[in-house]
Amino acid sequence: MSQTSHPKIVRRVSPEDIATLAHLAGIQVGHEDLSPLAVSLEQHLNATELLLQADLEDVLPSMEARWNV
């Protein structure tokens, strides 16, 4: 089995990062919400990192893509 190498995407997310993202998205985020949102985003990125490390080479898709047109 070959391991697919994925770049490490996780880094510390600061309240300043959240403020910048909010500004770029055109949304207002209260100062008191910046730290909790930074923690939450960092946790989501860590979970994504774990999923990217999973060896799925021998795993078959469990569902086929269907398009309703």
Foldseek 3Di string as FASTA:
>chain_A
DDFDDDDQDADQFALVNVVVVCVVVVHDDDPVCSVVVSVVVNVVSVVVNVVSRDDCPPPDDPDDDDDDD
